[in-house]
Amino acid sequence: MRQLELDPIPAEKLDGFHATLPRVAEMIEECLDWVDVEPVDTRAKRRRFSNGMWAIVGSTAGSDWLVLWDEVEPGHPVIRFIGETASL
């Protein structure tokens, strides 16, 4: 069974989105669901960096949002970053 984890900063951001930007939180939660299933949904593995990090880009509320994740050990994906792409 997979065990999804969020680093502290992305976890805080997602909590804040639930309170202030619920549509964004819902879209991010959907992306996290793609990572958390076995096998991983292909939408979660469309973009990969040479360092092994995966990128998911989702759109809502007129903005694009980025979720970066990796899986250092099998079955244990970790969300490393959540943010608006314009803020990069």
PDB file of N, CA and C in Angstrom:
ATOM      1  N   MET A   1       0.835  -1.188   0.000  1.00  0.00           N
ATOM      2  CA  MET A   1       0.000   0.000   0.000  1.00  0.00           C
ATOM      3  C   MET A   1       0.875   1.245   0.000  1.00  0.00           C
ATOM      4  N   ARG A   2       0.522   2.204  -0.864  1.00  0.00           N
ATOM      5  CA  ARG A   2       1.288   3.447  -0.954  1.00  0.00           C
ATOM      6  C   ARG A   2       1.007   4.335   0.255  1.00  0.00           C
ATOM      7  N   GLN A   3       1.992   5.158   0.584  1.00  0.00           N
ATOM      8  CA  GLN A   3       1.863   6.066   1.718  1.00  0.00           C
ATOM      9  C   GLN A   3       2.331   7.449   1.281  1.00  0.00           C
ATOM     10  N   LEU A   4       1.391   8.302   0.886  1.00  0.00           N
ATOM     11  CA  LEU A   4       1.692   9.651   0.427  1.00  0.00           C
ATOM     12  C   LEU A   4       2.040  10.544   1.611  1.00  0.00           C
ATOM     13  N   GLU A   5       3.081  11.342   1.430  1.00  0.00           N
ATOM     14  CA  GLU A   5       3.522  12.278   2.466  1.00  0.00           C
ATOM     15  C   GLU A   5       3.714  13.644   1.828  1.00  0.00           C
ATOM     16  N   LEU A   6       3.456  14.689   2.571  1.00  0.00           N
ATOM     17  CA  LEU A   6       3.735  16.050   2.125  1.00  0.00           C
ATOM     18  C   LEU A   6       4.811  16.634   3.018  1.00  0.00           C
ATOM     19  N   ASP A   7       5.819  17.263   2.402  1.00  0.00           N
ATOM     20  CA  ASP A   7       6.785  18.014   3.195  1.00  0.00           C
ATOM     21  C   ASP A   7       6.019  19.107   3.941  1.00  0.00           C
ATOM     22  N   PRO A   8       6.597  19.666   5.010  1.00  0.00           N
ATOM     23  CA  PRO A   8       5.860  20.640   5.835  1.00  0.00           C
ATOM     24  C   PRO A   8       5.344  21.873   5.080  1.00  0.00           C
ATOM     25  N   ILE A   9       6.146  22.465   4.220  1.00  0.00           N
ATOM     26  CA  ILE A   9       5.712  23.689   3.530  1.00  0.00           C
ATOM     27  C   ILE A   9       4.551  23.410   2.574  1.00  0.00           C
ATOM     28  N   PRO A  10       4.630  22.382   1.705  1.00  0.00           N
ATOM     29  CA  PRO A  10       3.464  22.095   0.868  1.00  0.00           C
ATOM     30  C   PRO A  10       2.219  21.724   1.684  1.00  0.00           C
ATOM     31  N   ALA A  11       2.392  21.054   2.798  1.00  0.00           N
ATOM     32  CA  ALA A  11       1.246  20.702   3.648  1.00  0.00           C
ATOM     33  C   ALA A  11       0.573  21.962   4.192  1.00  0.00           C
ATOM     34  N   GLU A  12       1.375  22.931   4.637  1.00  0.00           N
ATOM     35  CA  GLU A  12       0.829  24.198   5.133  1.00  0.00           C
ATOM     36  C   GLU A  12       0.120  24.960   4.024  1.00  0.00           C
ATOM     37  N   LYS A  13       0.719  24.976   2.832  1.00  0.00           N
ATOM     38  CA  LYS A  13       0.094  25.662   1.707  1.00  0.00           C
ATOM     39  C   LYS A  13      -1.262  25.043   1.378  1.00  0.00           C
ATOM     40  N   LEU A  14      -1.310  23.722   1.321  1.00  0.00           N
ATOM     41  CA  LEU A  14      -2.563  23.053   0.994  1.00  0.00           C
ATOM     42  C   LEU A  14      -3.624  23.345   2.055  1.00  0.00           C
ATOM     43  N   ASP A  15      -3.254  23.330   3.321  1.00  0.00           N
ATOM     44  CA  ASP A  15      -4.196  23.686   4.391  1.00  0.00           C
ATOM     45  C   ASP A  15      -4.732  25.101   4.190  1.00  0.00           C
ATOM     46  N   GLY A  16      -3.838  26.014   3.835  1.00  0.00           N
ATOM     47  CA  GLY A  16      -4.256  27.398   3.587  1.00  0.00           C
ATOM     48  C   GLY A  16      -5.189  27.510   2.399  1.00  0.00           C
ATOM     49  N   PHE A  17      -4.922  26.736   1.347  1.00  0.00           N
ATOM     50  CA  PHE A  17      -5.790  26.759   0.171  1.00  0.00           C
ATOM     51  C   PHE A  17      -7.198  26.278   0.514  1.00  0.00           C
ATOM     52  N   HIS A  18      -7.301  25.295   1.401  1.00  0.00           N
ATOM     53  CA  HIS A  18      -8.625  24.814   1.802  1.00  0.00           C
ATOM     54  C   HIS A  18      -9.443  25.950   2.411  1.00  0.00           C
ATOM     55  N   ALA A  19      -8.793  26.860   3.123  1.00  0.00           N
ATOM     56  CA  ALA A  19      -9.487  27.960   3.780  1.00  0.00           C
ATOM     57  C   ALA A  19      -9.728  29.149   2.846  1.00  0.00           C
ATOM     58  N   THR A  20      -8.780  29.400   1.926  1.00  0.00           N
ATOM     59  CA  THR A  20      -8.860  30.632   1.135  1.00  0.00           C
ATOM     60  C   THR A  20      -9.149  30.417  -0.352  1.00  0.00           C
ATOM     61  N   LEU A  21      -8.703  29.297  -0.914  1.00  0.00           N
ATOM     62  CA  LEU A  21      -8.877  29.006  -2.341  1.00  0.00           C
ATOM     63  C   LEU A  21      -9.364  27.568  -2.509  1.00  0.00           C
ATOM     64  N   PRO A  22     -10.620  27.311  -2.146  1.00  0.00           N
ATOM     65  CA  PRO A  22     -11.102  25.929  -2.155  1.00  0.00           C
ATOM     66  C   PRO A  22     -11.032  25.251  -3.522  1.00  0.00           C
ATOM     67  N   ARG A  23     -11.228  25.997  -4.608  1.00  0.00           N
ATOM     68  CA  ARG A  23     -11.137  25.375  -5.942  1.00  0.00           C
ATOM     69  C   ARG A  23      -9.708  24.919  -6.234  1.00  0.00           C
ATOM     70  N   VAL A  24      -8.745  25.708  -5.808  1.00  0.00           N
ATOM     71  CA  VAL A  24      -7.343  25.326  -5.975  1.00  0.00           C
ATOM     72  C   VAL A  24      -7.040  24.100  -5.116  1.00  0.00           C
ATOM     73  N   ALA A  25      -7.505  24.095  -3.879  1.00  0.00           N
ATOM     74  CA  ALA A  25      -7.287  22.946  -2.984  1.00  0.00           C
ATOM     75  C   ALA A  25      -7.874  21.679  -3.591  1.00  0.00           C
ATOM     76  N   GLU A  26      -9.051  21.784  -4.156  1.00  0.00           N
ATOM     77  CA  GLU A  26      -9.699  20.623  -4.774  1.00  0.00           C
ATOM     78  C   GLU A  26      -8.881  20.094  -5.953  1.00  0.00           C
ATOM     79  N   MET A  27      -8.370  21.000  -6.779  1.00  0.00           N
ATOM     80  CA  MET A  27      -7.552  20.598  -7.923  1.00  0.00           C
ATOM     81  C   MET A  27      -6.246  19.942  -7.447  1.00  0.00           C
ATOM     82  N   ILE A  28      -5.615  20.516  -6.425  1.00  0.00           N
ATOM     83  CA  ILE A  28      -4.375  19.949  -5.881  1.00  0.00           C
ATOM     84  C   ILE A  28      -4.654  18.568  -5.296  1.00  0.00           C
ATOM     85  N   GLU A  29      -5.747  18.415  -4.557  1.00  0.00           N
ATOM     86  CA  GLU A  29      -6.112  17.110  -3.985  1.00  0.00           C
ATOM     87  C   GLU A  29      -6.295  16.068  -5.092  1.00  0.00           C
ATOM     88  N   GLU A  30      -6.879  16.479  -6.220  1.00  0.00           N
ATOM     89  CA  GLU A  30      -7.037  15.549  -7.337  1.00  0.00           C
ATOM     90  C   GLU A  30      -5.670  15.103  -7.862  1.00  0.00           C
ATOM     91  N   CYS A  31      -4.732  16.044  -7.976  1.00  0.00           N
ATOM     92  CA  CYS A  31      -3.372  15.696  -8.407  1.00  0.00           C
ATOM     93  C   CYS A  31      -2.717  14.733  -7.418  1.00  0.00           C
ATOM     94  N   LEU A  32      -2.918  14.964  -6.132  1.00  0.00           N
ATOM     95  CA  LEU A  32      -2.344  14.083  -5.115  1.00  0.00           C
ATOM     96  C   LEU A  32      -2.944  12.685  -5.211  1.00  0.00           C
ATOM     97  N   ASP A  33      -4.220  12.613  -5.563  1.00  0.00           N
ATOM     98  CA  ASP A  33      -4.853  11.304  -5.758  1.00  0.00           C
ATOM     99  C   ASP A  33      -4.173  10.535  -6.888  1.00  0.00           C
ATOM    100  N   TRP A  34      -3.742  11.232  -7.926  1.00  0.00           N
ATOM    101  CA  TRP A  34      -3.052  10.581  -9.048  1.00  0.00           C
ATOM    102  C   TRP A  34      -1.752   9.943  -8.585  1.00  0.00           C
ATOM    103  N   VAL A  35      -1.077  10.587  -7.635  1.00  0.00           N
ATOM    104  CA  VAL A  35       0.204  10.090  -7.118  1.00  0.00           C
ATOM    105  C   VAL A  35      -0.019   8.933  -6.146  1.00  0.00           C
ATOM    106  N   ASP A  36      -1.122   8.983  -5.426  1.00  0.00           N
ATOM    107  CA  ASP A  36      -1.358   8.068  -4.318  1.00  0.00           C
ATOM    108  C   ASP A  36      -1.932   6.713  -4.717  1.00  0.00           C
ATOM    109  N   VAL A  37      -2.292   6.511  -5.972  1.00  0.00           N
ATOM    110  CA  VAL A  37      -2.877   5.226  -6.383  1.00  0.00           C
ATOM    111  C   VAL A  37      -1.795   4.273  -6.886  1.00  0.00           C
ATOM    112  N   GLU A  38      -2.114   3.008  -6.839  1.00  0.00           N
ATOM    113  CA  GLU A  38      -1.197   1.972  -7.327  1.00  0.00           C
ATOM    114  C   GLU A  38      -1.869   1.241  -8.477  1.00  0.00           C
ATOM    115  N   PRO A  39      -1.330   1.241  -9.673  1.00  0.00           N
ATOM    116  CA  PRO A  39      -0.136   1.979 -10.073  1.00  0.00           C
ATOM    117  C   PRO A  39      -0.428   3.472 -10.197  1.00  0.00           C
ATOM    118  N   VAL A  40       0.627   4.259 -10.144  1.00  0.00           N
ATOM    119  CA  VAL A  40       0.502   5.713 -10.229  1.00  0.00           C
ATOM    120  C   VAL A  40      -0.200   6.077 -11.536  1.00  0.00           C
ATOM    121  N   ASP A  41      -1.153   6.995 -11.437  1.00  0.00           N
ATOM    122  CA  ASP A  41      -1.879   7.473 -12.611  1.00  0.00           C
ATOM    123  C   ASP A  41      -0.894   8.114 -13.593  1.00  0.00           C
ATOM    124  N   THR A  42      -1.062   7.837 -14.867  1.00  0.00           N
ATOM    125  CA  THR A  42      -0.142   8.378 -15.883  1.00  0.00           C
ATOM    126  C   THR A  42      -0.127   9.901 -15.896  1.00  0.00           C
ATOM    127  N   ARG A  43      -1.202  10.540 -15.461  1.00  0.00           N
ATOM    128  CA  ARG A  43      -1.218  12.013 -15.414  1.00  0.00           C
ATOM    129  C   ARG A  43      -0.209  12.555 -14.409  1.00  0.00           C
ATOM    130  N   ALA A  44       0.197  11.756 -13.440  1.00  0.00           N
ATOM    131  CA  ALA A  44       1.180  12.188 -12.443  1.00  0.00           C
ATOM    132  C   ALA A  44       2.609  11.998 -12.929  1.00  0.00           C
ATOM    133  N   LYS A  45       2.764  11.335 -14.072  1.00  0.00           N
ATOM    134  CA  LYS A  45       4.111  11.028 -14.558  1.00  0.00           C
ATOM    135  C   LYS A  45       4.341  11.506 -15.993  1.00  0.00           C
ATOM    136  N   ARG A  46       3.775  12.635 -16.327  1.00  0.00           N
ATOM    137  CA  ARG A  46       3.958  13.175 -17.680  1.00  0.00           C
ATOM    138  C   ARG A  46       5.256  13.945 -17.829  1.00  0.00           C
ATOM    139  N   ARG A  47       5.719  14.569 -16.751  1.00  0.00           N
ATOM    140  CA  ARG A  47       6.935  15.396 -16.812  1.00  0.00           C
ATOM    141  C   ARG A  47       7.906  14.947 -15.730  1.00  0.00           C
ATOM    142  N   ARG A  48       9.125  14.632 -16.152  1.00  0.00           N
ATOM    143  CA  ARG A  48      10.131  14.184 -15.188  1.00  0.00           C
ATOM    144  C   ARG A  48      11.426  14.956 -15.405  1.00  0.00           C
ATOM    145  N   PHE A  49      12.051  15.329 -14.304  1.00  0.00           N
ATOM    146  CA  PHE A  49      13.334  16.002 -14.346  1.00  0.00           C
ATOM    147  C   PHE A  49      14.456  14.980 -14.208  1.00  0.00           C
ATOM    148  N   SER A  50      15.648  15.346 -14.600  1.00  0.00           N
ATOM    149  CA  SER A  50      16.789  14.426 -14.536  1.00  0.00           C
ATOM    150  C   SER A  50      17.145  14.017 -13.111  1.00  0.00           C
ATOM    151  N   ASN A  51      16.700  14.787 -12.109  1.00  0.00           N
ATOM    152  CA  ASN A  51      16.989  14.447 -10.706  1.00  0.00           C
ATOM    153  C   ASN A  51      15.963  13.460 -10.130  1.00  0.00           C
ATOM    154  N   GLY A  52      15.017  12.994 -10.972  1.00  0.00           N
ATOM    155  CA  GLY A  52      14.027  12.036 -10.524  1.00  0.00           C
ATOM    156  C   GLY A  52      12.730  12.633 -10.013  1.00  0.00           C
ATOM    157  N   MET A  53      12.662  13.951  -9.956  1.00  0.00           N
ATOM    158  CA  MET A  53      11.457  14.639  -9.500  1.00  0.00           C
ATOM    159  C   MET A  53      10.423  14.648 -10.628  1.00  0.00           C
ATOM    160  N   TRP A  54       9.156  14.473 -10.265  1.00  0.00           N
ATOM    161  CA  TRP A  54       8.046  14.518 -11.206  1.00  0.00           C
ATOM    162  C   TRP A  54       7.303  15.832 -11.025  1.00  0.00           C
ATOM    163  N   ALA A  55       6.737  16.362 -12.133  1.00  0.00           N
ATOM    164  CA  ALA A  55       5.976  17.614 -12.092  1.00  0.00           C
ATOM    165  C   ALA A  55       4.569  17.381 -12.630  1.00  0.00           C
ATOM    166  N   ILE A  56       3.600  17.915 -11.919  1.00  0.00           N
ATOM    167  CA  ILE A  56       2.207  17.913 -12.366  1.00  0.00           C
ATOM    168  C   ILE A  56       1.785  19.372 -12.448  1.00  0.00           C
ATOM    169  N   VAL A  57       1.210  19.754 -13.577  1.00  0.00           N
ATOM    170  CA  VAL A  57       0.676  21.104 -13.724  1.00  0.00           C
ATOM    171  C   VAL A  57      -0.834  20.991 -13.868  1.00  0.00           C
ATOM    172  N   GLY A  58      -1.548  21.689 -13.004  1.00  0.00           N
ATOM    173  CA  GLY A  58      -3.002  21.720 -13.049  1.00  0.00           C
ATOM    174  C   GLY A  58      -3.469  23.151 -13.178  1.00  0.00           C
ATOM    175  N   SER A  59      -4.638  23.340 -13.750  1.00  0.00           N
ATOM    176  CA  SER A  59      -5.175  24.682 -13.944  1.00  0.00           C
ATOM    177  C   SER A  59      -6.531  24.816 -13.266  1.00  0.00           C
ATOM    178  N   THR A  60      -6.724  25.957 -12.630  1.00  0.00           N
ATOM    179  CA  THR A  60      -8.011  26.311 -12.047  1.00  0.00           C
ATOM    180  C   THR A  60      -7.968  27.780 -11.666  1.00  0.00           C
ATOM    181  N   ALA A  61      -9.134  28.373 -11.574  1.00  0.00           N
ATOM    182  CA  ALA A  61      -9.258  29.773 -11.153  1.00  0.00           C
ATOM    183  C   ALA A  61      -8.384  30.699 -11.991  1.00  0.00           C
ATOM    184  N   GLY A  62      -8.203  30.357 -13.279  1.00  0.00           N
ATOM    185  CA  GLY A  62      -7.433  31.204 -14.183  1.00  0.00           C
ATOM    186  C   GLY A  62      -5.931  31.161 -13.975  1.00  0.00           C
ATOM    187  N   SER A  63      -5.444  30.213 -13.206  1.00  0.00           N
ATOM    188  CA  SER A  63      -4.005  30.099 -12.932  1.00  0.00           C
ATOM    189  C   SER A  63      -3.548  28.662 -13.101  1.00  0.00           C
ATOM    190  N   ASP A  64      -2.257  28.504 -13.379  1.00  0.00           N
ATOM    191  CA  ASP A  64      -1.638  27.182 -13.444  1.00  0.00           C
ATOM    192  C   ASP A  64      -0.898  26.945 -12.133  1.00  0.00           C
ATOM    193  N   TRP A  65      -1.008  25.706 -11.641  1.00  0.00           N
ATOM    194  CA  TRP A  65      -0.411  25.329 -10.361  1.00  0.00           C
ATOM    195  C   TRP A  65       0.513  24.138 -10.572  1.00  0.00           C
ATOM    196  N   LEU A  66       1.613  24.127  -9.841  1.00  0.00           N
ATOM    197  CA  LEU A  66       2.637  23.101  -9.975  1.00  0.00           C
ATOM    198  C   LEU A  66       2.728  22.270  -8.706  1.00  0.00           C
ATOM    199  N   VAL A  67       2.781  20.951  -8.893  1.00  0.00           N
ATOM    200  CA  VAL A  67       3.022  20.013  -7.796  1.00  0.00           C
ATOM    201  C   VAL A  67       4.277  19.228  -8.161  1.00  0.00           C
ATOM    202  N   LEU A  68       5.298  19.284  -7.320  1.00  0.00           N
ATOM    203  CA  LEU A  68       6.528  18.517  -7.530  1.00  0.00           C
ATOM    204  C   LEU A  68       6.566  17.387  -6.507  1.00  0.00           C
ATOM    205  N   TRP A  69       6.912  16.196  -6.992  1.00  0.00           N
ATOM    206  CA  TRP A  69       6.970  15.049  -6.092  1.00  0.00           C
ATOM    207  C   TRP A  69       8.057  14.088  -6.532  1.00  0.00           C
ATOM    208  N   ASP A  70       8.489  13.280  -5.593  1.00  0.00           N
ATOM    209  CA  ASP A  70       9.426  12.208  -5.905  1.00  0.00           C
ATOM    210  C   ASP A  70       9.085  11.001  -5.044  1.00  0.00           C
ATOM    211  N   GLU A  71       9.783   9.934  -5.319  1.00  0.00           N
ATOM    212  CA  GLU A  71       9.545   8.679  -4.595  1.00  0.00           C
ATOM    213  C   GLU A  71      10.912   8.064  -4.299  1.00  0.00           C
ATOM    214  N   VAL A  72      11.485   8.480  -3.181  1.00  0.00           N
ATOM    215  CA  VAL A  72      12.817   8.031  -2.818  1.00  0.00           C
ATOM    216  C   VAL A  72      12.841   6.535  -2.530  1.00  0.00           C
ATOM    217  N   GLU A  73      11.782   6.046  -1.888  1.00  0.00           N
ATOM    218  CA  GLU A  73      11.668   4.607  -1.677  1.00  0.00           C
ATOM    219  C   GLU A  73      10.333   4.138  -2.258  1.00  0.00           C
ATOM    220  N   PRO A  74      10.298   2.952  -2.824  1.00  0.00           N
ATOM    221  CA  PRO A  74       9.079   2.465  -3.469  1.00  0.00           C
ATOM    222  C   PRO A  74       7.865   2.497  -2.542  1.00  0.00           C
ATOM    223  N   GLY A  75       6.752   2.992  -3.097  1.00  0.00           N
ATOM    224  CA  GLY A  75       5.515   3.033  -2.333  1.00  0.00           C
ATOM    225  C   GLY A  75       5.403   4.184  -1.355  1.00  0.00           C
ATOM    226  N   HIS A  76       6.377   5.109  -1.388  1.00  0.00           N
ATOM    227  CA  HIS A  76       6.380   6.233  -0.440  1.00  0.00           C
ATOM    228  C   HIS A  76       6.633   7.549  -1.198  1.00  0.00           C
ATOM    229  N   PRO A  77       5.627   8.041  -1.953  1.00  0.00           N
ATOM    230  CA  PRO A  77       5.800   9.309  -2.650  1.00  0.00           C
ATOM    231  C   PRO A  77       5.743  10.485  -1.682  1.00  0.00           C
ATOM    232  N   VAL A  78       6.546  11.510  -1.974  1.00  0.00           N
ATOM    233  CA  VAL A  78       6.606  12.695  -1.121  1.00  0.00           C
ATOM    234  C   VAL A  78       6.375  13.935  -1.985  1.00  0.00           C
ATOM    235  N   ILE A  79       5.420  14.763  -1.575  1.00  0.00           N
ATOM    236  CA  ILE A  79       5.150  16.020  -2.252  1.00  0.00           C
ATOM    237  C   ILE A  79       6.151  17.041  -1.730  1.00  0.00           C
ATOM    238  N   ARG A  80       6.940  17.613  -2.637  1.00  0.00           N
ATOM    239  CA  ARG A  80       8.012  18.535  -2.252  1.00  0.00           C
ATOM    240  C   ARG A  80       7.651  20.001  -2.418  1.00  0.00           C
ATOM    241  N   PHE A  81       6.717  20.287  -3.347  1.00  0.00           N
ATOM    242  CA  PHE A  81       6.392  21.695  -3.647  1.00  0.00           C
ATOM    243  C   PHE A  81       4.980  21.781  -4.198  1.00  0.00           C
ATOM    244  N   ILE A  82       4.258  22.809  -3.782  1.00  0.00           N
ATOM    245  CA  ILE A  82       2.973  23.177  -4.363  1.00  0.00           C
ATOM    246  C   ILE A  82       3.003  24.689  -4.511  1.00  0.00           C
ATOM    247  N   GLY A  83       2.738  25.186  -5.729  1.00  0.00           N
ATOM    248  CA  GLY A  83       2.712  26.631  -5.898  1.00  0.00           C
ATOM    249  C   GLY A  83       2.213  27.031  -7.264  1.00  0.00           C
ATOM    250  N   GLU A  84       1.870  28.300  -7.367  1.00  0.00           N
ATOM    251  CA  GLU A  84       1.411  28.850  -8.622  1.00  0.00           C
ATOM    252  C   GLU A  84       2.602  28.979  -9.569  1.00  0.00           C
ATOM    253  N   THR A  85       2.429  28.615 -10.825  1.00  0.00           N
ATOM    254  CA  THR A  85       3.560  28.630 -11.751  1.00  0.00           C
ATOM    255  C   THR A  85       4.085  30.041 -11.965  1.00  0.00           C
ATOM    256  N   ALA A  86       3.245  31.055 -11.862  1.00  0.00           N
ATOM    257  CA  ALA A  86       3.697  32.438 -12.023  1.00  0.00           C
ATOM    258  C   ALA A  86       4.650  32.847 -10.904  1.00  0.00           C
ATOM    259  N   SER A  87       4.636  32.124  -9.785  1.00  0.00           N
ATOM    260  CA  SER A  87       5.501  32.481  -8.657  1.00  0.00           C
ATOM    261  C   SER A  87       6.883  31.848  -8.760  1.00  0.00           C
ATOM    262  N   LEU A  88       7.131  31.095  -9.834  1.00  0.00           N
ATOM    263  CA  LEU A  88       8.427  30.428  -9.971  1.00  0.00           C
ATOM    264  C   LEU A  88       9.464  31.353 -10.530  1.00  0.00           C
TER     265      LEU A  88
END
